[in-house]
PDB file of N, CA and C in Angstrom:
ATOM      1  N   MET A   1     -69.567 -26.376  16.677  1.00  0.00           N
ATOM      2  CA  MET A   1     -69.693 -25.840  15.153  1.00  0.00           C
ATOM      3  C   MET A   1     -69.505 -26.993  14.024  1.00  0.00           C
ATOM      4  N   THR A   2     -70.131 -26.878  13.143  1.00  0.00           N
ATOM      5  CA  THR A   2     -70.233 -28.286  12.073  1.00  0.00           C
ATOM      6  C   THR A   2     -69.123 -27.694  10.991  1.00  0.00           C
ATOM      7  N   PRO A   3     -68.672 -28.970  10.230  1.00  0.00           N
ATOM      8  CA  PRO A   3     -67.939 -28.240   9.154  1.00  0.00           C
ATOM      9  C   PRO A   3     -68.627 -27.280   8.404  1.00  0.00           C
ATOM     10  N   ARG A   4     -70.088 -27.478   8.179  1.00  0.00           N
ATOM     11  CA  ARG A   4     -70.784 -26.584   7.125  1.00  0.00           C
ATOM     12  C   ARG A   4     -70.560 -25.222   7.794  1.00  0.00           C
ATOM     13  N   THR A   5     -70.827 -25.133   8.864  1.00  0.00           N
ATOM     14  CA  THR A   5     -70.722 -23.728   9.884  1.00  0.00           C
ATOM     15  C   THR A   5     -69.406 -23.045   9.439  1.00  0.00           C
ATOM     16  N   PHE A   6     -68.348 -24.020   9.767  1.00  0.00           N
ATOM     17  CA  PHE A   6     -67.072 -23.522   9.502  1.00  0.00           C
ATOM     18  C   PHE A   6     -66.882 -22.926   7.947  1.00  0.00           C
ATOM     19  N   ARG A   7     -67.163 -23.518   6.853  1.00  0.00           N
ATOM     20  CA  ARG A   7     -67.065 -23.312   5.518  1.00  0.00           C
ATOM     21  C   ARG A   7     -67.904 -22.080   5.240  1.00  0.00           C
ATOM     22  N   ARG A   8     -68.770 -21.859   6.009  1.00  0.00           N
ATOM     23  CA  ARG A   8     -69.780 -20.578   5.504  1.00  0.00           C
ATOM     24  C   ARG A   8     -69.314 -19.510   6.193  1.00  0.00           C
ATOM     25  N   GLY A   9     -68.574 -19.607   7.390  1.00  0.00           N
ATOM     26  CA  GLY A   9     -67.813 -18.510   7.981  1.00  0.00           C
ATOM     27  C   GLY A   9     -66.765 -17.949   7.203  1.00  0.00           C
ATOM     28  N   ALA A  10     -65.827 -19.154   6.548  1.00  0.00           N
ATOM     29  CA  ALA A  10     -64.462 -18.958   6.239  1.00  0.00           C
ATOM     30  C   ALA A  10     -64.976 -18.392   4.885  1.00  0.00           C
ATOM     31  N   GLY A  11     -65.988 -18.860   4.017  1.00  0.00           N
ATOM     32  CA  GLY A  11     -66.407 -18.230   2.770  1.00  0.00           C
ATOM     33  C   GLY A  11     -66.712 -16.972   2.926  1.00  0.00           C
ATOM     34  N   THR A  12     -67.613 -16.622   3.956  1.00  0.00           N
ATOM     35  CA  THR A  12     -68.012 -15.020   4.012  1.00  0.00           C
ATOM     36  C   THR A  12     -67.072 -14.193   4.474  1.00  0.00           C
ATOM     37  N   ALA A  13     -65.914 -14.548   5.383  1.00  0.00           N
ATOM     38  CA  ALA A  13     -64.921 -13.932   5.881  1.00  0.00           C
ATOM     39  C   ALA A  13     -64.074 -13.512   4.454  1.00  0.00           C
ATOM     40  N   ILE A  14     -63.720 -14.394   3.718  1.00  0.00           N
ATOM     41  CA  ILE A  14     -62.798 -14.273   2.619  1.00  0.00           C
ATOM     42  C   ILE A  14     -63.393 -13.408   1.592  1.00  0.00           C
ATOM     43  N   ASP A  15     -64.898 -13.548   1.248  1.00  0.00           N
ATOM     44  CA  ASP A  15     -65.545 -12.632   0.386  1.00  0.00           C
ATOM     45  C   ASP A  15     -65.570 -11.365   0.903  1.00  0.00           C
ATOM     46  N   HIS A  16     -65.758 -11.073   1.934  1.00  0.00           N
ATOM     47  CA  HIS A  16     -66.047  -9.727   2.892  1.00  0.00           C
ATOM     48  C   HIS A  16     -64.790  -8.971   2.790  1.00  0.00           C
ATOM     49  N   ALA A  17     -63.639  -9.879   3.017  1.00  0.00           N
ATOM     50  CA  ALA A  17     -62.200  -8.917   2.927  1.00  0.00           C
ATOM     51  C   ALA A  17     -61.667  -8.524   1.970  1.00  0.00           C
ATOM     52  N   HIS A  18     -62.084  -9.545   1.008  1.00  0.00           N
ATOM     53  CA  HIS A  18     -61.468  -8.966  -0.653  1.00  0.00           C
ATOM     54  C   HIS A  18     -62.634  -8.754  -1.512  1.00  0.00           C
ATOM     55  N   GLU A  19     -63.868  -8.637  -1.301  1.00  0.00           N
ATOM     56  CA  GLU A  19     -65.038  -8.641  -2.002  1.00  0.00           C
ATOM     57  C   GLU A  19     -64.510  -9.485  -3.763  1.00  0.00           C
ATOM     58  N   ASP A  20     -64.453 -10.733  -3.050  1.00  0.00           N
ATOM     59  CA  ASP A  20     -64.183 -11.627  -4.176  1.00  0.00           C
ATOM     60  C   ASP A  20     -64.640 -12.965  -4.071  1.00  0.00           C
ATOM     61  N   ALA A  21     -65.862 -13.288  -4.637  1.00  0.00           N
ATOM     62  CA  ALA A  21     -66.484 -14.543  -4.353  1.00  0.00           C
ATOM     63  C   ALA A  21     -65.761 -15.779  -5.082  1.00  0.00           C
ATOM     64  N   GLY A  22     -64.975 -15.407  -6.108  1.00  0.00           N
ATOM     65  CA  GLY A  22     -64.180 -16.526  -6.948  1.00  0.00           C
ATOM     66  C   GLY A  22     -63.220 -16.822  -5.772  1.00  0.00           C
ATOM     67  N   ARG A  23     -62.451 -16.004  -5.073  1.00  0.00           N
ATOM     68  CA  ARG A  23     -61.371 -16.235  -4.417  1.00  0.00           C
ATOM     69  C   ARG A  23     -61.854 -17.290  -3.220  1.00  0.00           C
ATOM     70  N   ALA A  24     -63.112 -17.241  -2.391  1.00  0.00           N
ATOM     71  CA  ALA A  24     -63.811 -17.838  -1.527  1.00  0.00           C
ATOM     72  C   ALA A  24     -63.980 -18.971  -2.050  1.00  0.00           C
ATOM     73  N   GLY A  25     -64.637 -19.049  -3.290  1.00  0.00           N
ATOM     74  CA  GLY A  25     -64.939 -20.383  -3.939  1.00  0.00           C
ATOM     75  C   GLY A  25     -63.743 -21.244  -4.043  1.00  0.00           C
ATOM     76  N   ARG A  26     -62.471 -20.509  -4.862  1.00  0.00           N
ATOM     77  CA  ARG A  26     -61.307 -21.406  -4.573  1.00  0.00           C
ATOM     78  C   ARG A  26     -60.670 -22.101  -3.547  1.00  0.00           C
ATOM     79  N   GLN A  27     -60.956 -21.214  -2.366  1.00  0.00           N
ATOM     80  CA  GLN A  27     -60.524 -21.642  -0.987  1.00  0.00           C
ATOM     81  C   GLN A  27     -61.475 -22.822  -0.699  1.00  0.00           C
ATOM     82  N   LEU A  28     -62.553 -22.717  -1.099  1.00  0.00           N
ATOM     83  CA  LEU A  28     -63.508 -23.644  -0.381  1.00  0.00           C
ATOM     84  C   LEU A  28     -63.781 -25.207  -1.343  1.00  0.00           C
ATOM     85  N   GLY A  29     -63.065 -24.767  -2.618  1.00  0.00           N
ATOM     86  CA  GLY A  29     -62.737 -25.944  -3.644  1.00  0.00           C
ATOM     87  C   GLY A  29     -64.340 -25.798  -4.318  1.00  0.00           C
ATOM     88  N   ASN A  30     -64.777 -24.895  -4.819  1.00  0.00           N
ATOM     89  CA  ASN A  30     -65.879 -24.503  -5.462  1.00  0.00           C
ATOM     90  C   ASN A  30     -65.864 -23.553  -6.387  1.00  0.00           C
ATOM     91  N   THR A  31     -66.713 -23.237  -7.259  1.00  0.00           N
ATOM     92  CA  THR A  31     -67.054 -22.228  -8.058  1.00  0.00           C
ATOM     93  C   THR A  31     -67.593 -21.029  -7.276  1.00  0.00           C
ATOM     94  N   LYS A  32     -67.147 -19.985  -7.831  1.00  0.00           N
ATOM     95  CA  LYS A  32     -67.700 -18.670  -7.204  1.00  0.00           C
ATOM     96  C   LYS A  32     -69.271 -18.531  -7.037  1.00  0.00           C
ATOM     97  N   ASP A  33     -70.125 -19.327  -7.986  1.00  0.00           N
ATOM     98  CA  ASP A  33     -71.624 -19.276  -8.052  1.00  0.00           C
ATOM     99  C   ASP A  33     -72.001 -20.423  -6.806  1.00  0.00           C
ATOM    100  N   ILE A  34     -71.445 -21.336  -6.661  1.00  0.00           N
ATOM    101  CA  ILE A  34     -71.457 -22.150  -5.801  1.00  0.00           C
ATOM    102  C   ILE A  34     -71.369 -21.564  -4.298  1.00  0.00           C
ATOM    103  N   ALA A  35     -70.127 -20.894  -4.195  1.00  0.00           N
ATOM    104  CA  ALA A  35     -69.718 -20.212  -3.003  1.00  0.00           C
ATOM    105  C   ALA A  35     -70.853 -18.983  -2.829  1.00  0.00           C
ATOM    106  N   ARG A  36     -71.344 -18.283  -3.643  1.00  0.00           N
ATOM    107  CA  ARG A  36     -72.408 -17.233  -3.347  1.00  0.00           C
ATOM    108  C   ARG A  36     -73.614 -17.965  -2.898  1.00  0.00           C
ATOM    109  N   ILE A  37     -73.916 -18.839  -3.591  1.00  0.00           N
ATOM    110  CA  ILE A  37     -75.064 -19.439  -3.048  1.00  0.00           C
ATOM    111  C   ILE A  37     -75.120 -20.203  -1.919  1.00  0.00           C
ATOM    112  N   HIS A  38     -74.231 -21.109  -1.584  1.00  0.00           N
ATOM    113  CA  HIS A  38     -73.980 -22.040  -0.335  1.00  0.00           C
ATOM    114  C   HIS A  38     -73.435 -21.623   0.907  1.00  0.00           C
ATOM    115  N   TYR A  39     -72.495 -20.582   0.680  1.00  0.00           N
ATOM    116  CA  TYR A  39     -71.515 -20.448   1.579  1.00  0.00           C
ATOM    117  C   TYR A  39     -71.124 -18.973   2.237  1.00  0.00           C
ATOM    118  N   ILE A  40     -71.615 -18.050   1.281  1.00  0.00           N
ATOM    119  CA  ILE A  40     -71.476 -16.477   1.612  1.00  0.00           C
ATOM    120  C   ILE A  40     -72.666 -15.952   1.774  1.00  0.00           C
ATOM    121  N   ASP A  41     -72.713 -15.481   3.159  1.00  0.00           N
ATOM    122  CA  ASP A  41     -73.694 -14.798   3.575  1.00  0.00           C
ATOM    123  C   ASP A  41     -73.790 -13.391   3.206  1.00  0.00           C
ATOM    124  N   ALA A  42     -74.668 -12.858   2.538  1.00  0.00           N
ATOM    125  CA  ALA A  42     -74.963 -11.410   2.003  1.00  0.00           C
ATOM    126  C   ALA A  42     -75.495 -10.951   2.772  1.00  0.00           C
ATOM    127  N   PRO A  43     -75.040  -9.511   3.684  1.00  0.00           N
ATOM    128  CA  PRO A  43     -75.866  -8.599   4.509  1.00  0.00           C
ATOM    129  C   PRO A  43     -77.234  -8.268   3.924  1.00  0.00           C
ATOM    130  N   GLU A  44     -77.994  -8.169   4.885  1.00  0.00           N
ATOM    131  CA  GLU A  44     -79.287  -7.677   4.256  1.00  0.00           C
ATOM    132  C   GLU A  44     -79.384  -6.181   4.452  1.00  0.00           C
ATOM    133  N   VAL A  45     -79.930  -5.505   3.280  1.00  0.00           N
ATOM    134  CA  VAL A  45     -79.956  -4.148   3.220  1.00  0.00           C
ATOM    135  C   VAL A  45     -81.082  -3.769   3.557  1.00  0.00           C
ATOM    136  N   VAL A  46     -81.509  -2.673   4.636  1.00  0.00           N
ATOM    137  CA  VAL A  46     -82.845  -2.369   5.074  1.00  0.00           C
ATOM    138  C   VAL A  46     -82.850  -1.079   4.959  1.00  0.00           C
ATOM    139  N   PRO A  47     -84.100  -0.262   4.870  1.00  0.00           N
ATOM    140  CA  PRO A  47     -83.811   1.221   4.858  1.00  0.00           C
ATOM    141  C   PRO A  47     -83.525   1.534   6.049  1.00  0.00           C
ATOM    142  N   ASP A  48     -83.161   2.814   6.051  1.00  0.00           N
ATOM    143  CA  ASP A  48     -82.788   3.722   7.218  1.00  0.00           C
ATOM    144  C   ASP A  48     -83.852   4.297   7.913  1.00  0.00           C
ATOM    145  N   ASN A  49     -84.556   3.962   9.104  1.00  0.00           N
ATOM    146  CA  ASN A  49     -85.492   4.229   9.808  1.00  0.00           C
ATOM    147  C   ASN A  49     -85.160   4.756  10.869  1.00  0.00           C
ATOM    148  N   ARG A  50     -83.910   5.165  11.312  1.00  0.00           N
ATOM    149  CA  ARG A  50     -83.714   5.588  12.577  1.00  0.00           C
ATOM    150  C   ARG A  50     -84.442   6.943  13.040  1.00  0.00           C
ATOM    151  N   ASP A  51     -84.675   8.032  12.106  1.00  0.00           N
ATOM    152  CA  ASP A  51     -85.221   9.005  12.761  1.00  0.00           C
ATOM    153  C   ASP A  51     -86.861   8.570  12.944  1.00  0.00           C
ATOM    154  N   VAL A  52     -87.746   7.657  12.304  1.00  0.00           N
ATOM    155  CA  VAL A  52     -88.832   7.353  12.859  1.00  0.00           C
ATOM    156  C   VAL A  52     -88.986   6.506  14.129  1.00  0.00           C
ATOM    157  N   LEU A  53     -87.860   5.526  14.427  1.00  0.00           N
ATOM    158  CA  LEU A  53     -87.668   4.993  15.595  1.00  0.00           C
ATOM    159  C   LEU A  53     -87.162   5.845  16.588  1.00  0.00           C
ATOM    160  N   GLU A  54     -86.523   6.752  16.351  1.00  0.00           N
ATOM    161  CA  GLU A  54     -86.000   7.817  17.412  1.00  0.00           C
ATOM    162  C   GLU A  54     -87.515   8.567  17.810  1.00  0.00           C
ATOM    163  N   ARG A  55     -88.247   9.210  16.847  1.00  0.00           N
ATOM    164  CA  ARG A  55     -89.339   9.971  17.458  1.00  0.00           C
ATOM    165  C   ARG A  55     -90.340   8.781  18.178  1.00  0.00           C
ATOM    166  N   TRP A  56     -90.464   7.639  17.706  1.00  0.00           N
ATOM    167  CA  TRP A  56     -91.254   6.508  18.556  1.00  0.00           C
ATOM    168  C   TRP A  56     -90.961   6.460  19.866  1.00  0.00           C
ATOM    169  N   ALA A  57     -89.321   6.441  19.957  1.00  0.00           N
ATOM    170  CA  ALA A  57     -89.024   6.238  21.251  1.00  0.00           C
ATOM    171  C   ALA A  57     -89.272   7.346  22.332  1.00  0.00           C
ATOM    172  N   ARG A  58     -89.320   8.574  21.792  1.00  0.00           N
ATOM    173  CA  ARG A  58     -89.603   9.830  22.384  1.00  0.00           C
ATOM    174  C   ARG A  58     -91.036  10.037  22.530  1.00  0.00           C
ATOM    175  N   GLY A  59     -91.939   9.247  22.234  1.00  0.00           N
ATOM    176  CA  GLY A  59     -93.236   9.254  22.185  1.00  0.00           C
ATOM    177  C   GLY A  59     -93.899  10.267  21.190  1.00  0.00           C
ATOM    178  N   ASP A  60     -93.157  10.795  20.229  1.00  0.00           N
ATOM    179  CA  ASP A  60     -93.558  11.568  19.270  1.00  0.00           C
ATOM    180  C   ASP A  60     -94.705  10.874  18.450  1.00  0.00           C
ATOM    181  N   ARG A  61     -95.716  11.644  17.918  1.00  0.00           N
ATOM    182  CA  ARG A  61     -96.709  11.042  17.141  1.00  0.00           C
ATOM    183  C   ARG A  61     -96.208  10.986  15.633  1.00  0.00           C
ATOM    184  N   PRO A  62     -96.098   9.874  14.952  1.00  0.00           N
ATOM    185  CA  PRO A  62     -95.681  10.168  13.737  1.00  0.00           C
ATOM    186  C   PRO A  62     -96.593  10.894  12.667  1.00  0.00           C
ATOM    187  N   PRO A  63     -96.118  11.855  11.697  1.00  0.00           N
ATOM    188  CA  PRO A  63     -96.692  12.527  10.893  1.00  0.00           C
ATOM    189  C   PRO A  63     -97.826  11.619   9.916  1.00  0.00           C
ATOM    190  N   LYS A  64     -98.825  12.480   9.761  1.00  0.00           N
ATOM    191  CA  LYS A  64    -100.048  11.953   9.147  1.00  0.00           C
ATOM    192  C   LYS A  64     -99.605  11.628   7.517  1.00  0.00           C
ATOM    193  N   VAL A  65     -99.812  10.659   6.876  1.00  0.00           N
ATOM    194  CA  VAL A  65     -99.730  10.482   5.362  1.00  0.00           C
ATOM    195  C   VAL A  65    -100.913  10.774   4.485  1.00  0.00           C
TER     196      VAL A  65
END
């Protein structure tokens, strides 16, 4: 583990626990903007495709568009 990896993990954990990038930034000795840009991992939001994948896994044909 590198120091940067540790800082990213700490920043992300603090931000996600408290929903406060400013708090994470203060812990890391940075501003909230620097913490957001360089240290806090934002979860990627993707569309919910479970129904399509379930049908595909069963071998059902997808509906025509």
